[in-house]
N, C-alpha and C. Protein backbone atom coordinates (compact mmCIF):
# COMPACT_ATOMS: atom_id res chain seq x y z
N MET A 1 -9.62 11.27 -15.21
CA MET A 1 -9.25 10.02 -14.65
C MET A 1 -7.76 9.88 -15.05
N TYR A 2 -7.25 9.34 -14.39
CA TYR A 2 -5.83 8.86 -14.43
C TYR A 2 -5.40 7.76 -15.24
N GLN A 3 -4.41 7.65 -16.20
CA GLN A 3 -4.14 6.50 -16.60
C GLN A 3 -2.95 5.60 -16.04
N PRO A 4 -2.79 4.34 -16.24
CA PRO A 4 -1.65 3.96 -15.28
C PRO A 4 -0.39 4.38 -15.76
N GLY A 5 -0.27 4.95 -16.75
CA GLY A 5 1.03 5.26 -17.53
C GLY A 5 1.35 6.34 -16.29
N LEU A 6 0.58 7.20 -15.87
CA LEU A 6 0.65 8.24 -14.87
C LEU A 6 1.66 8.00 -13.58
N ALA A 7 1.78 6.90 -13.37
CA ALA A 7 1.91 6.15 -11.85
C ALA A 7 3.51 5.95 -12.03
N ILE A 8 4.05 6.00 -13.37
CA ILE A 8 5.26 6.08 -13.54
C ILE A 8 6.40 7.31 -13.00
N GLY A 9 7.05 7.00 -11.95
CA GLY A 9 7.67 8.34 -11.42
C GLY A 9 7.12 8.85 -10.21
N MET A 10 5.89 8.56 -10.00
CA MET A 10 5.38 8.87 -8.84
C MET A 10 5.86 8.12 -7.67
N SER A 11 5.34 8.49 -6.32
CA SER A 11 6.15 7.87 -5.31
C SER A 11 4.99 6.87 -4.95
N TYR A 12 5.47 5.84 -4.59
CA TYR A 12 4.60 4.85 -3.82
C TYR A 12 4.98 4.31 -2.39
N PHE A 13 3.97 4.00 -1.68
CA PHE A 13 4.09 3.34 -0.30
C PHE A 13 3.50 2.20 0.04
N VAL A 14 4.00 1.52 0.90
CA VAL A 14 3.38 0.30 1.08
C VAL A 14 3.50 0.22 2.56
N ARG A 15 2.67 0.19 3.15
CA ARG A 15 2.18 0.27 4.73
C ARG A 15 2.19 -0.84 5.62
N LEU A 16 2.28 -1.17 6.71
CA LEU A 16 1.77 -2.43 7.47
C LEU A 16 1.44 -1.70 8.80
N ALA A 17 0.29 -1.83 9.21
CA ALA A 17 -0.10 -1.12 10.59
C ALA A 17 -0.95 -2.25 11.42
N THR A 18 -1.06 -2.10 12.31
CA THR A 18 -1.89 -3.00 13.53
C THR A 18 -3.39 -2.70 13.38
N SER A 19 -3.82 -1.79 12.64
CA SER A 19 -5.32 -1.69 12.52
C SER A 19 -5.35 -0.55 11.22
N PRO A 20 -6.66 -0.44 10.46
CA PRO A 20 -6.76 0.31 9.47
C PRO A 20 -6.70 2.08 10.05
N SER A 21 -7.05 2.51 11.35
CA SER A 21 -6.83 3.62 11.84
C SER A 21 -5.58 4.14 12.14
N THR A 22 -4.64 2.97 12.11
CA THR A 22 -3.41 3.43 12.40
C THR A 22 -2.29 3.38 11.03
N ILE A 23 -3.07 3.09 9.84
CA ILE A 23 -1.99 3.38 8.69
C ILE A 23 -1.00 4.58 8.54
N THR A 24 -1.89 5.76 8.75
CA THR A 24 -1.21 7.06 8.87
C THR A 24 0.44 6.87 9.68
N THR A 25 0.33 6.24 10.69
CA THR A 25 1.84 5.89 11.63
C THR A 25 1.92 4.30 11.49
N PRO A 26 2.27 3.95 10.49
CA PRO A 26 2.71 2.37 10.27
C PRO A 26 3.69 1.80 11.45
N VAL A 27 3.69 0.40 11.63
CA VAL A 27 4.67 -0.10 12.19
C VAL A 27 5.95 -0.40 11.57
N ALA A 28 5.54 -0.40 10.08
CA ALA A 28 6.65 -0.44 8.99
C ALA A 28 6.22 0.11 7.61
N GLU A 29 7.12 0.48 6.98
CA GLU A 29 6.84 0.88 5.28
C GLU A 29 8.19 0.46 4.40
N THR A 30 7.63 0.97 3.30
CA THR A 30 8.65 1.19 2.19
C THR A 30 8.05 2.11 1.24
N THR A 31 9.10 2.99 0.86
CA THR A 31 8.60 3.90 -0.31
C THR A 31 9.41 3.83 -1.87
N GLY A 32 9.09 4.32 -2.71
CA GLY A 32 9.63 4.23 -3.87
C GLY A 32 9.18 4.82 -5.30
N THR A 33 9.55 4.68 -6.28
CA THR A 33 8.76 4.89 -7.48
C THR A 33 8.80 3.73 -8.37
N PRO A 34 7.30 3.37 -9.19
CA PRO A 34 7.24 2.30 -9.86
C PRO A 34 7.62 2.32 -11.10
N GLY A 35 8.24 1.23 -11.60
CA GLY A 35 8.66 1.22 -12.70
C GLY A 35 7.90 0.21 -13.95
N ASN A 36 6.83 -0.09 -13.45
CA ASN A 36 5.90 -0.67 -14.32
C ASN A 36 4.61 -0.03 -14.42
N LEU A 37 3.47 -0.21 -15.26
CA LEU A 37 2.49 0.29 -15.40
C LEU A 37 1.08 -0.36 -14.91
N ASN A 38 1.35 -1.51 -14.42
CA ASN A 38 0.53 -2.41 -13.70
C ASN A 38 0.45 -2.64 -12.34
N TYR A 39 1.65 -2.63 -11.84
CA TYR A 39 2.12 -3.13 -10.60
C TYR A 39 3.36 -2.81 -9.81
N ILE A 40 3.49 -2.53 -8.37
CA ILE A 40 4.76 -2.53 -7.50
C ILE A 40 5.19 -3.69 -7.00
N ASP A 41 6.24 -3.87 -7.20
CA ASP A 41 7.07 -4.79 -6.54
C ASP A 41 7.72 -4.11 -5.24
N TYR A 42 7.67 -4.73 -4.07
CA TYR A 42 8.27 -3.93 -2.82
C TYR A 42 8.82 -5.06 -1.98
N GLN A 43 9.59 -4.48 -0.70
CA GLN A 43 10.15 -5.13 0.36
C GLN A 43 10.04 -4.60 1.36
N ILE A 44 9.77 -4.91 2.60
CA ILE A 44 9.80 -4.13 3.93
C ILE A 44 10.62 -4.80 4.80
N ASP A 45 11.77 -4.39 5.26
CA ASP A 45 12.39 -5.07 6.01
C ASP A 45 12.15 -4.79 7.79
N GLY A 46 12.64 -5.93 8.33
CA GLY A 46 12.81 -5.67 9.73
C GLY A 46 11.30 -5.78 10.70
N ILE A 47 10.43 -6.39 10.12
CA ILE A 47 9.07 -6.18 10.64
C ILE A 47 8.86 -7.09 11.66
N PRO A 48 8.61 -6.31 13.02
CA PRO A 48 8.20 -7.42 14.15
C PRO A 48 7.21 -8.40 14.09
N ALA A 49 7.28 -9.45 14.72
CA ALA A 49 6.31 -10.46 14.69
C ALA A 49 4.91 -9.88 15.21
N GLY A 50 3.65 -10.28 14.39
CA GLY A 50 2.56 -9.84 14.66
C GLY A 50 1.59 -9.98 13.34
N GLY A 51 0.25 -9.32 13.56
CA GLY A 51 -0.73 -9.62 12.43
C GLY A 51 -0.73 -8.23 12.14
N TYR A 52 -1.13 -7.68 11.03
CA TYR A 52 -1.01 -6.46 10.28
C TYR A 52 -2.04 -6.60 9.16
N PHE A 53 -2.54 -5.29 8.94
CA PHE A 53 -3.28 -4.90 7.86
C PHE A 53 -2.07 -3.94 6.61
N MET A 54 -2.14 -4.30 5.49
CA MET A 54 -1.02 -3.63 4.55
C MET A 54 -2.06 -2.78 3.70
N LEU A 55 -1.64 -1.45 3.13
CA LEU A 55 -2.08 -0.85 2.56
C LEU A 55 -1.12 -0.08 1.31
N GLY A 56 -1.25 -0.16 0.08
CA GLY A 56 -0.18 0.20 -0.84
C GLY A 56 -0.80 1.35 -1.64
N PHE A 57 -0.12 2.30 -1.95
CA PHE A 57 -0.93 3.32 -2.93
C PHE A 57 0.39 4.14 -3.64
N ILE A 58 0.09 4.47 -4.77
CA ILE A 58 0.87 5.54 -5.29
C ILE A 58 0.10 7.10 -5.53
N ASP A 59 1.06 7.79 -5.18
CA ASP A 59 0.34 9.10 -5.06
C ASP A 59 0.28 10.01 -6.51
N VAL A 60 -0.72 9.38 -7.37
CA VAL A 60 -0.48 10.08 -8.80
C VAL A 60 -0.66 11.59 -8.72
N ASP A 61 -1.70 11.75 -7.72
CA ASP A 61 -2.23 13.49 -8.23
C ASP A 61 -1.12 14.55 -7.21
N GLY A 62 0.12 13.57 -6.84
CA GLY A 62 0.90 14.44 -6.33
C GLY A 62 0.53 15.04 -4.91
N SER A 63 -0.41 14.86 -4.29
CA SER A 63 -0.93 15.55 -3.23
C SER A 63 -0.23 15.50 -1.96
N GLY A 64 0.68 14.27 -2.00
CA GLY A 64 1.61 14.23 -0.82
C GLY A 64 0.83 13.54 0.40
N GLY A 65 1.09 13.62 1.65
CA GLY A 65 0.50 13.17 2.73
C GLY A 65 0.81 11.83 3.29
N THR A 66 -0.04 11.14 3.99
CA THR A 66 0.28 9.93 4.68
C THR A 66 -0.76 9.00 4.26
N ALA A 67 -1.60 9.41 3.24
CA ALA A 67 -2.88 8.17 3.07
C ALA A 67 -2.97 8.62 1.48
N SER A 68 -3.56 7.79 0.81
CA SER A 68 -4.22 7.73 -0.36
C SER A 68 -5.29 8.95 -0.59
N THR A 69 -5.57 9.53 -1.75
CA THR A 69 -6.67 10.41 -1.91
C THR A 69 -7.28 10.19 -3.05
N PRO A 70 -8.31 10.80 -3.56
CA PRO A 70 -9.02 10.40 -4.79
C PRO A 70 -8.02 10.71 -5.88
N GLY A 71 -8.03 9.76 -6.85
CA GLY A 71 -7.07 9.89 -7.93
C GLY A 71 -5.75 9.04 -7.83
N ASP A 72 -5.73 8.71 -6.60
CA ASP A 72 -4.47 7.88 -6.29
C ASP A 72 -4.79 6.39 -6.71
N TYR A 73 -3.48 5.39 -7.00
CA TYR A 73 -3.89 4.28 -6.92
C TYR A 73 -3.81 3.78 -5.63
N ALA A 74 -4.48 2.74 -5.22
CA ALA A 74 -4.43 2.32 -3.91
C ALA A 74 -5.52 0.80 -3.76
N ALA A 75 -4.57 0.09 -2.62
CA ALA A 75 -5.47 -1.34 -2.42
C ALA A 75 -4.80 -1.61 -1.05
N TRP A 76 -6.01 -2.21 -0.56
CA TRP A 76 -5.28 -3.13 0.89
C TRP A 76 -5.24 -4.40 0.59
N PHE A 77 -4.27 -4.94 1.16
CA PHE A 77 -4.13 -6.44 0.75
C PHE A 77 -5.17 -7.17 1.29
N GLY A 78 -5.62 -8.13 0.49
CA GLY A 78 -6.83 -9.05 0.80
C GLY A 78 -8.19 -8.28 0.58
N HIS A 79 -8.26 -7.00 -0.35
CA HIS A 79 -9.26 -6.37 -0.26
C HIS A 79 -10.35 -6.95 -1.20
N ASN A 80 -11.57 -6.60 -1.08
CA ASN A 80 -12.53 -7.28 -1.91
C ASN A 80 -13.28 -6.40 -3.24
N GLY A 81 -12.28 -5.30 -3.34
CA GLY A 81 -12.48 -4.41 -4.52
C GLY A 81 -13.21 -3.11 -4.18
N ASP A 82 -13.78 -3.09 -3.04
CA ASP A 82 -14.65 -1.85 -2.85
C ASP A 82 -13.83 -0.95 -2.17
N GLY A 83 -12.19 -0.85 -1.97
CA GLY A 83 -11.80 0.23 -1.41
C GLY A 83 -11.61 0.21 0.25
N ASN A 84 -12.38 -0.57 0.91
CA ASN A 84 -12.03 -0.59 2.09
C ASN A 84 -11.41 -1.90 2.64
N PRO A 85 -10.63 -1.80 4.00
CA PRO A 85 -9.62 -2.75 4.43
C PRO A 85 -10.45 -3.99 4.70
N PRO A 86 -9.80 -4.94 4.64
CA PRO A 86 -10.37 -6.49 5.17
C PRO A 86 -10.92 -6.20 6.58
N PRO A 87 -11.61 -7.09 7.05
CA PRO A 87 -12.23 -6.87 8.29
C PRO A 87 -11.30 -7.30 9.41
N ASP A 88 -10.23 -8.20 8.93
CA ASP A 88 -9.29 -8.61 9.67
C ASP A 88 -7.88 -8.43 9.65
N ALA A 89 -6.90 -8.39 10.44
CA ALA A 89 -5.45 -8.54 9.84
C ALA A 89 -5.44 -9.46 9.03
N ASN A 90 -4.55 -9.64 7.99
CA ASN A 90 -4.35 -10.68 7.25
C ASN A 90 -2.79 -10.73 6.53
N VAL A 91 -1.82 -10.00 7.19
CA VAL A 91 -0.64 -10.01 7.04
C VAL A 91 -0.02 -10.56 8.24
N PHE A 92 0.84 -11.93 8.55
CA PHE A 92 1.20 -12.26 9.67
C PHE A 92 2.59 -12.85 9.32
N VAL A 93 3.32 -11.80 10.49
CA VAL A 93 4.57 -12.19 10.23
C VAL A 93 5.17 -12.93 11.75
N SER A 94 5.73 -14.11 11.78
CA SER A 94 6.02 -15.13 12.87
C SER A 94 7.33 -14.82 13.39
N ALA A 95 8.38 -14.05 12.87
CA ALA A 95 9.63 -13.47 13.38
C ALA A 95 10.15 -12.31 12.67
N THR A 96 11.15 -11.55 13.03
CA THR A 96 11.48 -10.23 12.24
C THR A 96 12.38 -10.48 11.00
N LEU A 97 11.35 -10.59 10.01
CA LEU A 97 11.62 -10.99 8.68
C LEU A 97 11.14 -9.90 7.79
N PRO A 98 11.75 -10.04 6.88
CA PRO A 98 11.16 -8.90 5.53
C PRO A 98 9.72 -9.38 4.88
N VAL A 99 9.12 -8.54 4.46
CA VAL A 99 7.70 -8.99 3.82
C VAL A 99 8.11 -8.43 2.38
N SER A 100 7.68 -9.29 1.22
CA SER A 100 7.82 -8.67 0.10
C SER A 100 6.65 -9.13 -0.77
N GLY A 101 6.36 -8.74 -1.96
CA GLY A 101 5.25 -9.20 -2.93
C GLY A 101 4.96 -8.04 -4.13
N ARG A 102 3.84 -8.25 -4.82
CA ARG A 102 3.39 -7.36 -5.55
C ARG A 102 2.09 -6.83 -5.31
N PHE A 103 1.99 -5.66 -5.47
CA PHE A 103 0.65 -4.87 -5.61
C PHE A 103 0.17 -4.69 -7.12
N ASP A 104 -1.07 -4.98 -7.44
CA ASP A 104 -1.87 -4.20 -8.74
C ASP A 104 -2.30 -3.06 -8.41
N LEU A 105 -2.35 -2.20 -9.27
CA LEU A 105 -2.73 -0.98 -9.26
C LEU A 105 -4.09 -0.80 -9.49
N VAL A 106 -4.73 -0.19 -8.48
CA VAL A 106 -6.56 0.13 -8.61
C VAL A 106 -6.78 1.34 -8.57
N LEU A 107 -7.52 1.98 -9.35
CA LEU A 107 -7.74 3.55 -8.84
C LEU A 107 -8.87 3.53 -7.82
N VAL A 108 -8.72 4.54 -7.12
CA VAL A 108 -9.38 4.95 -6.00
C VAL A 108 -10.58 5.65 -6.68
N GLN A 109 -11.78 5.40 -6.37
CA GLN A 109 -12.93 6.25 -6.79
C GLN A 109 -13.79 6.44 -5.55
N ARG A 110 -13.75 7.68 -5.21
CA ARG A 110 -14.26 8.33 -3.95
C ARG A 110 -15.53 9.30 -4.30
């Protein structure tokens, strides 16, 4: 099992998509490397108006790819802790604006 400290220096992704099934081809995303053990701060610019699902993950196991895998830290915005996306879009943008916030890190157990 990975400890939160292993997330430092690994790649993170925060993605917005119109449905959970399109999260690998997001409408908008941001990437970077976390500088904190417990969360990542992010900002995504130029998001078109609409409703979205948001997924944030850190590629702790270094597998690359376009989605989280077992061993990565991941969370859907508005999740209930079971690892599944919320039933409906819950990030709403009324104009082309940046979206920013903070994701707490949760270990994916699959």
